[in-house]
Amino acid sequence: MSAAALSQRPSRRMLRRFLRHRLAVASLLTLAVLGLAALSAPLVERALGVDANAADLFLRMQPPSAAHPLGTDELGRDLLCRLLYGGRVSLGVGLIAAIFSAIIGTAIGLVAGYSGGIADRLLMRINDAVIALPLLPLLIVLAAVDLGKLGVPPPVAQSEDISLYRIVVIITLFGWNTVARLVRAETLALRQREFIRAAVALGTAPRSIMWRHILPNAVSPVIVATTLSIGHIILFESTLSFLGLGIQPPAASWGNMLTNAQEVIWSTPELAIWPGLLIFVTVMAFNFLGDGLQDALDPRALD
């Protein structure tokens, strides 16, 4: 058997294990459809000839029609376009915050696990302190802070996108602990392996050992943890937006669409059903995808 064939066998086994996880495959397809739909928001907006942020009180809470496939909201805005733009925000926050959290957690876990000693104890005590914090109340408090009083220039503090950046930064700063613990555990185990000892004996720099030898072998739990965290981050963003502390109007997110719909939920329940359903489907899909990746990337799994 050729070397190329041998190198492809592990990836093929992983793909075969993943494809056997039907819920994970269905979740991946669902997330792909949602992502493509969100990216197509400007095209849909142009095709319908509407402005997703333009209010028209004469068209308030209209039923579905050819001009508005899902009807209009409490301000006469097209509901379909608002959902698609809201998906761009909610999915974007989840993906970006999860990726940055994974990067920070991976770096901390590698340094703590490989260095050991005082560095390990200090970093893990910081990790324990972050885990002990009540995350949702903390996010609510930090999201409510007036940036102008912190010295942020008024044009920046009052910009439309600042709420999006604030949520990403807050979640990133407090969402890295799970990945850090997983990477530290993998690093502690890998540090005792023969190929790591051989690299140390050859005089390889610790940074090179961590990034070239340990990290590639510890990437599987990072991928799984990152995938699972995306759903939790979307829920946090939706909660903050529902409380009025997240994405601010006129920008749409599924969370603030739920907030706007709560006053008319009895007369027009679909204004709350659609964003709530999309949040539920997205979070469940990421959780099932994480389960499938965990099974596929497990080196101890039997084919």
Protein backbone atom coordinates (compact mmCIF):
# COMPACT_ATOMS: atom_id res chain seq x y z
CA MET A 1 0.00 0.00 0.00
CA SER A 2 1.33 3.46 -0.91
CA ALA A 3 2.28 6.11 1.65
CA ALA A 4 -0.51 8.37 0.35
CA ALA A 5 -3.09 5.66 0.95
CA LEU A 6 -1.79 5.06 4.45
CA SER A 7 -1.96 8.78 5.26
CA GLN A 8 -5.58 8.96 4.08
CA ARG A 9 -6.81 6.07 6.16
CA PRO A 10 -7.26 7.97 9.46
CA SER A 11 -9.19 10.77 7.75
CA ARG A 12 -11.35 8.25 5.93
CA ARG A 13 -12.11 6.44 9.17
CA MET A 14 -13.08 9.73 10.80
CA LEU A 15 -15.32 10.62 7.87
CA ARG A 16 -16.93 7.18 7.96
CA ARG A 17 -17.62 7.46 11.69
CA PHE A 18 -19.06 10.94 11.24
CA LEU A 19 -21.33 9.88 8.39
CA ARG A 20 -22.73 7.09 10.57
CA HIS A 21 -23.92 9.77 13.02
CA ARG A 22 -27.10 10.70 11.16
CA LEU A 23 -28.12 13.50 13.50
CA ALA A 24 -24.71 15.13 13.11
CA VAL A 25 -24.89 14.92 9.31
CA ALA A 26 -28.41 16.36 9.32
CA SER A 27 -27.25 19.10 11.70
CA LEU A 28 -24.33 19.99 9.45
CA LEU A 29 -26.66 20.27 6.45
CA THR A 30 -29.11 22.35 8.50
CA LEU A 31 -26.38 24.75 9.62
CA ALA A 32 -25.10 25.01 6.04
CA VAL A 33 -28.60 25.95 4.83
CA LEU A 34 -29.00 28.51 7.64
CA GLY A 35 -25.58 30.00 6.93
CA LEU A 36 -26.23 30.29 3.20
CA ALA A 37 -29.66 31.78 3.83
CA ALA A 38 -28.17 34.37 6.18
CA LEU A 39 -25.46 35.27 3.66
CA SER A 40 -28.12 35.69 0.97
CA ALA A 41 -30.02 38.31 3.00
CA PRO A 42 -29.05 41.25 0.73
CA LEU A 43 -30.06 39.26 -2.36
CA VAL A 44 -33.45 38.38 -0.85
CA GLU A 45 -33.93 41.99 0.22
CA ARG A 46 -33.19 43.19 -3.29
CA ALA A 47 -35.39 40.55 -4.89
CA LEU A 48 -38.37 41.52 -2.71
CA GLY A 49 -37.71 45.23 -3.24
CA VAL A 50 -37.82 46.04 0.49
CA ASP A 51 -35.58 47.60 3.12
CA ALA A 52 -35.19 45.35 6.17
CA ASN A 53 -34.78 48.34 8.49
CA ALA A 54 -37.38 50.66 6.94
CA ALA A 55 -40.53 50.96 9.07
CA ASP A 56 -43.94 51.36 7.45
CA LEU A 57 -46.72 51.60 10.01
CA PHE A 58 -49.35 51.17 7.31
CA LEU A 59 -48.05 47.60 6.80
CA ARG A 60 -47.90 46.55 10.45
CA MET A 61 -48.32 42.81 11.15
CA GLN A 62 -49.42 41.89 7.64
CA PRO A 63 -50.01 38.18 6.87
CA PRO A 64 -47.72 36.34 4.45
CA SER A 65 -48.01 37.48 0.86
CA ALA A 66 -46.03 37.50 -2.38
CA ALA A 67 -44.43 40.81 -1.40
CA HIS A 68 -43.70 39.62 2.16
CA PRO A 69 -43.38 35.78 2.24
CA LEU A 70 -43.48 35.63 6.06
CA GLY A 71 -45.49 38.80 6.61
CA THR A 72 -44.36 41.96 8.39
CA ASP A 73 -43.48 42.78 11.99
CA GLU A 74 -44.86 45.29 14.49
CA LEU A 75 -43.24 48.20 12.57
CA GLY A 76 -44.16 47.02 9.09
CA ARG A 77 -40.73 45.61 8.25
CA ASP A 78 -40.36 42.46 6.18
CA LEU A 79 -40.09 39.54 8.61
CA LEU A 80 -38.13 37.23 6.30
CA CYS A 81 -35.40 39.80 5.67
CA ARG A 82 -35.20 40.60 9.37
CA LEU A 83 -34.77 36.92 10.19
CA LEU A 84 -32.01 36.52 7.60
CA TYR A 85 -30.13 39.58 8.82
CA GLY A 86 -30.68 38.44 12.40
CA GLY A 87 -29.13 35.11 11.48
CA ARG A 88 -26.03 36.87 10.19
CA VAL A 89 -25.63 38.58 13.57
CA SER A 90 -26.48 35.61 15.82
CA LEU A 91 -24.41 33.09 13.87
CA GLY A 92 -21.58 35.57 13.44
CA VAL A 93 -21.39 36.32 17.16
CA GLY A 94 -21.43 32.60 17.97
CA LEU A 95 -18.72 31.67 15.48
CA ILE A 96 -16.39 34.61 16.10
CA ALA A 97 -16.62 34.49 19.91
CA ALA A 98 -16.18 30.69 19.93
CA ILE A 99 -13.10 30.87 17.69
CA PHE A 100 -11.41 33.61 19.72
CA SER A 101 -12.26 31.82 22.98
CA ALA A 102 -10.76 28.62 21.58
CA ILE A 103 -7.56 30.44 20.60
CA ILE A 104 -7.14 31.96 24.07
CA GLY A 105 -8.03 28.69 25.82
CA THR A 106 -5.67 26.68 23.62
CA ALA A 107 -2.75 29.01 24.30
CA ILE A 108 -3.37 28.99 28.07
CA GLY A 109 -3.85 25.22 28.17
CA LEU A 110 -0.65 24.57 26.20
CA VAL A 111 1.47 26.84 28.40
CA ALA A 112 -0.02 25.51 31.64
CA GLY A 113 0.25 21.85 30.68
CA TYR A 114 3.74 21.98 29.21
CA SER A 115 5.36 24.40 31.66
CA GLY A 116 3.91 22.96 34.87
CA GLY A 117 5.03 24.34 38.20
CA ILE A 118 4.11 27.88 39.20
CA ALA A 119 2.85 28.83 35.73
CA ASP A 120 0.45 25.88 35.69
CA ARG A 121 -0.87 26.57 39.20
CA LEU A 122 -1.32 30.30 38.51
CA LEU A 123 -3.12 29.82 35.20
CA MET A 124 -5.38 27.11 36.57
CA ARG A 125 -6.32 29.23 39.61
CA ILE A 126 -7.27 32.03 37.21
CA ASN A 127 -9.26 29.47 35.26
CA ASP A 128 -11.02 28.30 38.44
CA ALA A 129 -11.85 31.91 39.33
CA VAL A 130 -13.43 32.49 35.91
CA ILE A 131 -15.43 29.26 36.18
CA ALA A 132 -16.68 30.29 39.64
CA LEU A 133 -18.12 33.54 38.32
CA PRO A 134 -21.88 33.53 37.61
CA LEU A 135 -21.56 34.00 33.87
CA LEU A 136 -24.99 35.28 32.85
CA PRO A 137 -25.30 37.95 35.59
CA LEU A 138 -21.72 39.01 34.85
CA LEU A 139 -22.49 39.35 31.14
CA ILE A 140 -25.60 41.38 31.94
CA VAL A 141 -23.62 43.78 34.16
CA LEU A 142 -20.78 44.21 31.66
CA ALA A 143 -23.19 44.65 28.75
CA ALA A 144 -24.97 47.42 30.65
CA VAL A 145 -21.78 49.44 31.31
CA ASP A 146 -21.79 52.88 29.67
CA LEU A 147 -18.75 52.87 27.39
CA GLY A 148 -18.71 56.66 27.31
CA LYS A 149 -17.91 56.75 31.02
CA LEU A 150 -14.97 54.41 30.44
CA GLY A 151 -13.28 56.90 28.16
CA VAL A 152 -14.38 55.40 24.85
CA PRO A 153 -14.73 58.18 22.22
CA PRO A 154 -18.41 59.12 21.69
CA PRO A 155 -18.43 58.25 17.94
CA VAL A 156 -17.27 54.74 18.80
CA ALA A 157 -19.46 54.32 21.91
CA GLN A 158 -22.57 55.39 19.97
CA SER A 159 -21.91 53.49 16.74
CA GLU A 160 -24.41 50.90 15.56
CA ASP A 161 -21.87 48.05 15.60
CA ILE A 162 -20.44 48.65 19.07
CA SER A 163 -23.00 46.38 20.75
CA LEU A 164 -21.92 43.52 18.48
CA TYR A 165 -18.22 44.02 19.24
CA ARG A 166 -18.93 44.39 22.95
CA ILE A 167 -20.74 41.04 23.15
CA VAL A 168 -17.97 39.26 21.23
CA VAL A 169 -15.28 40.72 23.51
CA ILE A 170 -17.18 39.96 26.73
CA ILE A 171 -17.96 36.36 25.79
CA THR A 172 -14.40 35.82 24.53
CA LEU A 173 -12.88 37.06 27.79
CA PHE A 174 -14.94 34.67 29.91
CA GLY A 175 -15.57 31.72 27.58
CA TRP A 176 -12.11 30.18 27.20
CA ASN A 177 -11.93 28.07 30.38
CA THR A 178 -13.38 24.80 29.02
CA VAL A 179 -10.94 24.68 26.10
CA ALA A 180 -8.05 25.59 28.41
CA ARG A 181 -8.76 22.64 30.72
CA LEU A 182 -9.14 20.20 27.84
CA VAL A 183 -5.91 21.31 26.16
CA ARG A 184 -4.02 21.25 29.47
CA ALA A 185 -5.15 17.67 30.12
CA GLU A 186 -4.11 16.57 26.63
CA THR A 187 -0.78 18.38 26.98
CA LEU A 188 -0.02 16.70 30.30
CA ALA A 189 -0.64 13.30 28.69
CA LEU A 190 1.30 14.06 25.51
CA ARG A 191 4.27 15.50 27.40
CA GLN A 192 5.15 12.00 28.60
CA ARG A 193 5.10 10.43 25.13
CA GLU A 194 8.29 9.23 23.49
CA PHE A 195 8.21 11.61 20.52
CA ILE A 196 8.00 14.62 22.85
CA ARG A 197 10.89 13.31 24.95
CA ALA A 198 12.89 12.80 21.76
CA ALA A 199 12.21 16.39 20.67
CA VAL A 200 13.34 17.67 24.08
CA ALA A 201 16.49 15.54 23.91
CA LEU A 202 17.30 16.99 20.47
CA GLY A 203 17.17 20.49 21.94
CA THR A 204 13.94 21.62 20.26
CA ALA A 205 12.64 24.89 21.70
CA PRO A 206 9.61 24.57 24.01
CA ARG A 207 7.54 26.87 21.79
CA SER A 208 8.23 24.68 18.78
CA ILE A 209 7.35 21.53 20.74
CA MET A 210 4.05 23.01 21.89
CA TRP A 211 2.91 24.33 18.50
CA ARG A 212 4.37 21.71 16.15
CA HIS A 213 4.14 18.50 18.16
CA ILE A 214 1.59 18.85 20.96
CA LEU A 215 -1.06 21.10 19.41
CA PRO A 216 -1.74 18.95 16.31
CA ASN A 217 -2.31 15.96 18.59
CA ALA A 218 -4.59 17.92 20.94
CA VAL A 219 -6.73 19.64 18.31
CA SER A 220 -9.61 17.12 18.39
CA PRO A 221 -11.05 18.12 21.80
CA VAL A 222 -10.60 21.79 20.83
CA ILE A 223 -12.76 21.33 17.74
CA VAL A 224 -15.45 19.51 19.69
CA ALA A 225 -15.49 22.01 22.55
CA THR A 226 -15.60 24.95 20.14
CA THR A 227 -18.50 23.47 18.23
CA LEU A 228 -20.47 22.83 21.40
CA SER A 229 -19.75 26.32 22.74
CA ILE A 230 -21.22 28.05 19.68
CA GLY A 231 -24.73 27.02 20.70
CA HIS A 232 -24.22 28.33 24.23
CA ILE A 233 -22.85 31.62 22.93
CA ILE A 234 -25.86 32.09 20.64
CA LEU A 235 -28.10 31.54 23.66
CA PHE A 236 -26.13 34.13 25.67
CA GLU A 237 -26.38 36.65 22.83
CA SER A 238 -30.09 35.99 22.47
CA THR A 239 -30.62 36.40 26.21
CA LEU A 240 -28.73 39.70 26.32
CA SER A 241 -30.55 40.98 23.24
CA PHE A 242 -33.88 39.88 24.70
CA LEU A 243 -33.07 41.91 27.83
CA GLY A 244 -32.21 44.94 25.69
CA LEU A 245 -28.48 44.75 26.50
CA GLY A 246 -27.26 43.02 23.36
CA ILE A 247 -27.63 43.92 19.71
CA GLN A 248 -29.39 47.28 19.51
CA PRO A 249 -32.06 48.24 16.96
CA PRO A 250 -32.32 48.88 14.11
CA ALA A 251 -29.85 46.00 13.67
CA ALA A 252 -31.65 42.69 13.88
CA SER A 253 -30.76 39.62 15.88
CA TRP A 254 -32.99 36.71 16.81
CA GLY A 255 -32.83 37.80 20.44
CA ASN A 256 -33.99 41.38 19.97
CA MET A 257 -36.65 40.20 17.53
CA LEU A 258 -38.09 38.18 20.42
CA THR A 259 -37.98 41.30 22.58
CA ASN A 260 -39.88 43.34 20.00
CA ALA A 261 -42.47 40.57 19.59
CA GLN A 262 -43.36 40.13 23.25
CA GLU A 263 -45.89 42.99 23.24
CA VAL A 264 -47.85 41.54 20.30
CA ILE A 265 -47.29 37.85 20.98
CA TRP A 266 -50.99 37.16 21.57
CA SER A 267 -52.19 38.91 18.41
CA THR A 268 -49.28 37.91 16.13
CA PRO A 269 -47.50 34.91 17.68
CA GLU A 270 -45.48 34.15 14.55
CA LEU A 271 -43.30 37.19 15.28
CA ALA A 272 -41.98 35.29 18.30
CA ILE A 273 -42.29 31.76 16.90
CA TRP A 274 -39.93 32.27 13.95
CA PRO A 275 -36.89 33.71 15.78
CA GLY A 276 -37.46 31.36 18.73
CA LEU A 277 -37.61 28.37 16.39
CA LEU A 278 -34.43 29.42 14.60
CA ILE A 279 -32.57 29.80 17.90
CA PHE A 280 -33.78 26.36 19.02
CA VAL A 281 -32.86 24.65 15.73
CA THR A 282 -29.44 26.31 15.55
CA VAL A 283 -28.45 25.47 19.12
CA MET A 284 -29.61 21.87 18.78
CA ALA A 285 -27.82 21.50 15.46
CA PHE A 286 -24.51 22.69 16.92
CA ASN A 287 -24.91 20.32 19.88
CA PHE A 288 -25.60 17.32 17.63
CA LEU A 289 -22.71 18.34 15.36
CA GLY A 290 -20.42 18.46 18.38
CA ASP A 291 -21.54 14.97 19.42
CA GLY A 292 -20.85 13.65 15.94
CA LEU A 293 -17.40 15.24 15.80
CA GLN A 294 -16.59 13.85 19.22
CA ASP A 295 -17.36 10.32 18.02
CA ALA A 296 -15.54 10.81 14.72
CA LEU A 297 -12.37 12.31 16.21
CA ASP A 298 -12.09 9.89 19.12
CA PRO A 299 -8.91 7.87 18.45
CA ARG A 300 -10.18 5.07 20.71
CA ALA A 301 -13.38 4.60 18.73
CA LEU A 302 -13.81 1.31 16.93
CA ASP A 303 -14.75 1.30 13.24
